N, C-alpha and C. Protein backbone atom coordinates (compact mmCIF):
# COMPACT_ATOMS: atom_id res chain seq x y z
N MET A 1 55.24 163.93 -128.07
CA MET A 1 53.83 163.62 -129.11
C MET A 1 53.33 162.24 -129.08
N ASN A 2 52.27 162.01 -128.69
CA ASN A 2 52.05 160.49 -128.83
C ASN A 2 51.67 159.37 -129.95
N SER A 3 52.00 158.48 -130.08
CA SER A 3 52.43 157.82 -131.58
C SER A 3 50.24 157.27 -132.03
N PRO A 4 50.05 157.20 -132.80
CA PRO A 4 48.87 156.92 -133.32
C PRO A 4 48.46 155.52 -132.47
N ALA A 5 49.37 154.66 -132.27
CA ALA A 5 49.09 153.48 -131.56
C ALA A 5 48.78 153.93 -130.26
N SER A 6 49.54 154.74 -129.73
CA SER A 6 49.28 155.05 -128.51
C SER A 6 48.06 155.81 -128.00
N GLN A 7 47.64 156.69 -128.67
CA GLN A 7 46.32 157.27 -128.81
C GLN A 7 45.53 156.42 -128.85
N ALA A 8 45.31 155.50 -129.50
CA ALA A 8 44.29 154.44 -129.81
C ALA A 8 44.37 153.78 -128.31
N ALA A 9 45.28 153.21 -127.63
CA ALA A 9 45.39 152.75 -126.66
C ALA A 9 44.74 153.17 -125.66
N GLU A 10 44.68 154.74 -125.28
CA GLU A 10 44.42 155.56 -124.27
C GLU A 10 42.68 155.63 -125.03
N THR A 11 42.50 155.88 -125.90
CA THR A 11 41.06 155.76 -126.10
C THR A 11 39.96 154.50 -125.89
N ILE A 12 40.68 153.59 -126.13
CA ILE A 12 40.30 152.28 -125.56
C ILE A 12 40.23 152.07 -124.17
N LEU A 13 41.26 152.27 -123.50
CA LEU A 13 41.11 152.05 -122.03
C LEU A 13 40.05 153.48 -121.59
N ASP A 14 40.04 154.28 -122.08
CA ASP A 14 39.05 155.51 -121.71
C ASP A 14 37.39 154.47 -122.13
N LEU A 15 37.56 153.85 -123.32
CA LEU A 15 35.87 153.16 -123.32
C LEU A 15 35.77 152.47 -122.66
N LEU A 16 36.59 151.73 -122.28
CA LEU A 16 36.28 150.38 -121.27
C LEU A 16 36.01 151.09 -120.07
N GLY A 17 36.47 151.93 -119.72
CA GLY A 17 36.48 152.71 -117.82
C GLY A 17 35.24 153.46 -118.31
N GLY A 18 34.86 153.75 -119.24
CA GLY A 18 33.66 154.73 -119.53
C GLY A 18 32.57 154.29 -120.07
N SER A 19 32.41 154.21 -121.42
CA SER A 19 30.87 154.28 -122.23
C SER A 19 30.93 152.60 -121.93
N LEU A 20 31.90 151.63 -122.06
CA LEU A 20 31.03 150.39 -122.01
C LEU A 20 30.23 150.06 -120.50
N ASP A 21 30.99 150.55 -119.59
CA ASP A 21 30.92 150.36 -117.98
C ASP A 21 29.52 150.64 -117.92
N ASP A 22 29.33 152.20 -118.43
CA ASP A 22 27.87 152.85 -118.15
C ASP A 22 26.86 151.92 -119.00
N CYS A 23 27.15 151.30 -120.23
CA CYS A 23 26.36 150.46 -120.61
C CYS A 23 26.26 149.23 -119.89
N SER A 24 27.00 148.88 -119.30
CA SER A 24 26.71 147.55 -118.48
C SER A 24 25.84 148.06 -117.33
N ARG A 25 26.22 149.33 -116.74
CA ARG A 25 25.41 149.68 -115.68
C ARG A 25 23.62 150.02 -115.85
N ALA A 26 23.57 150.37 -117.43
CA ALA A 26 22.21 150.58 -117.70
C ALA A 26 21.73 149.39 -117.92
N LEU A 27 22.39 148.28 -118.38
CA LEU A 27 21.56 147.06 -118.72
C LEU A 27 21.12 146.29 -117.07
N ALA A 28 22.00 146.33 -116.12
CA ALA A 28 21.75 145.98 -114.75
C ALA A 28 20.58 146.85 -114.30
N ARG A 29 20.11 148.02 -114.56
CA ARG A 29 18.93 148.82 -114.26
C ARG A 29 17.90 148.61 -114.97
N GLY A 30 17.94 147.70 -116.21
CA GLY A 30 17.25 147.49 -117.22
C GLY A 30 16.57 148.45 -118.12
N ASP A 31 17.58 149.27 -117.92
CA ASP A 31 17.67 150.79 -118.75
C ASP A 31 17.91 150.20 -120.41
N VAL A 32 17.60 149.48 -121.26
CA VAL A 32 17.88 148.96 -122.59
C VAL A 32 18.41 150.26 -123.22
N PRO A 33 17.39 151.07 -123.39
CA PRO A 33 17.58 152.39 -124.52
C PRO A 33 18.87 153.07 -124.32
N GLU A 34 19.13 153.53 -122.69
CA GLU A 34 20.01 153.96 -122.21
C GLU A 34 21.57 153.16 -122.43
N ALA A 35 21.81 151.71 -122.35
CA ALA A 35 22.61 151.04 -122.90
C ALA A 35 22.84 150.67 -124.21
N GLN A 36 21.98 151.09 -125.25
CA GLN A 36 22.22 151.27 -126.38
C GLN A 36 23.02 152.20 -127.13
N ARG A 37 22.64 153.27 -125.96
CA ARG A 37 23.30 154.53 -126.49
C ARG A 37 24.82 154.72 -125.92
N HIS A 38 24.70 154.11 -125.03
CA HIS A 38 26.64 154.07 -124.76
C HIS A 38 26.95 153.13 -125.27
N LEU A 39 26.53 151.74 -125.89
CA LEU A 39 27.06 150.78 -126.83
C LEU A 39 27.42 151.32 -128.03
N GLN A 40 26.73 152.24 -128.49
CA GLN A 40 26.47 153.26 -129.69
C GLN A 40 27.84 153.99 -130.19
N ASP A 41 27.75 155.24 -128.68
CA ASP A 41 28.94 156.05 -128.61
C ASP A 41 30.16 155.19 -128.46
N ALA A 42 30.11 153.76 -127.57
CA ALA A 42 31.51 153.20 -127.87
C ALA A 42 32.15 153.03 -128.95
N SER A 43 30.80 152.38 -129.89
CA SER A 43 30.99 151.57 -131.38
C SER A 43 31.91 153.24 -132.33
N GLU A 44 30.79 153.94 -131.78
CA GLU A 44 31.53 155.19 -132.74
C GLU A 44 33.02 155.54 -132.67
N ARG A 45 32.89 155.55 -131.64
CA ARG A 45 34.59 156.04 -131.01
C ARG A 45 35.70 154.87 -131.50
N LEU A 46 35.31 153.49 -131.39
CA LEU A 46 36.09 152.60 -131.94
C LEU A 46 35.95 152.62 -133.45
N ARG A 47 35.35 153.33 -134.24
CA ARG A 47 35.31 153.18 -135.39
C ARG A 47 36.12 154.48 -135.91
N ARG A 48 36.14 155.48 -135.31
CA ARG A 48 37.05 156.77 -135.47
C ARG A 48 38.50 156.13 -135.10
N VAL A 49 38.79 155.28 -133.96
CA VAL A 49 40.22 154.86 -134.11
C VAL A 49 40.69 154.00 -135.16
N ARG A 50 39.50 153.25 -135.39
CA ARG A 50 40.42 152.72 -136.86
C ARG A 50 40.52 153.22 -137.83
N ARG A 51 39.76 154.15 -138.14
CA ARG A 51 39.87 155.16 -139.22
C ARG A 51 41.24 155.73 -139.33
N ASP A 52 40.99 156.42 -138.10
CA ASP A 52 42.33 157.33 -137.94
C ASP A 52 43.72 156.76 -138.10
N LEU A 53 43.48 155.48 -137.79
CA LEU A 53 44.81 154.45 -137.65
C LEU A 53 45.07 153.73 -139.30
N ILE A 54 43.83 153.62 -139.60
CA ILE A 54 44.17 153.41 -140.99
C ILE A 54 44.64 154.49 -142.18
N GLU A 55 44.16 155.99 -141.52
CA GLU A 55 44.87 157.36 -142.49
C GLU A 55 46.09 157.30 -142.10
N LEU A 56 46.61 156.96 -141.08
CA LEU A 56 47.86 157.31 -140.69
C LEU A 56 48.99 156.25 -141.11
N GLY A 57 48.48 155.11 -141.94
CA GLY A 57 49.04 153.73 -141.97
C GLY A 57 49.70 153.06 -140.86
N ALA A 58 48.91 153.32 -139.53
CA ALA A 58 49.43 152.62 -138.76
C ALA A 58 48.81 151.38 -138.13
N GLY A 59 48.13 150.44 -139.18
CA GLY A 59 47.56 149.29 -138.85
C GLY A 59 46.06 149.31 -139.54
N GLY A 60 45.44 147.99 -139.35
CA GLY A 60 43.97 147.98 -139.81
C GLY A 60 44.11 147.50 -141.41
N THR A 61 42.82 147.38 -141.59
CA THR A 61 42.67 146.88 -143.32
C THR A 61 41.55 147.88 -143.25
N PRO A 62 41.72 148.50 -144.67
CA PRO A 62 40.50 149.22 -145.12
C PRO A 62 39.28 148.21 -145.14
N PRO A 63 38.35 149.28 -144.95
CA PRO A 63 37.07 148.92 -145.24
C PRO A 63 36.58 148.13 -146.53
N ALA A 64 35.90 146.99 -146.87
CA ALA A 64 35.75 146.48 -148.37
C ALA A 64 35.09 147.39 -149.13
N ALA A 65 35.44 147.69 -150.57
CA ALA A 65 34.84 148.33 -151.37
C ALA A 65 33.47 147.78 -151.66
């Protein structure tokens, strides 16, 4: 079974090769709404990684109240 840190690293690598690359390509085409969609997807996935790591006690800082 993968550790939480390993799973987070895999997700981040996927984002770098997926959503963020797609965002860059959309911007190169001048398709700002599409770029925003890809960036929003990447941001949400990173928030989930952070939340999961915090819940597992594997690092990160809980959000301020």
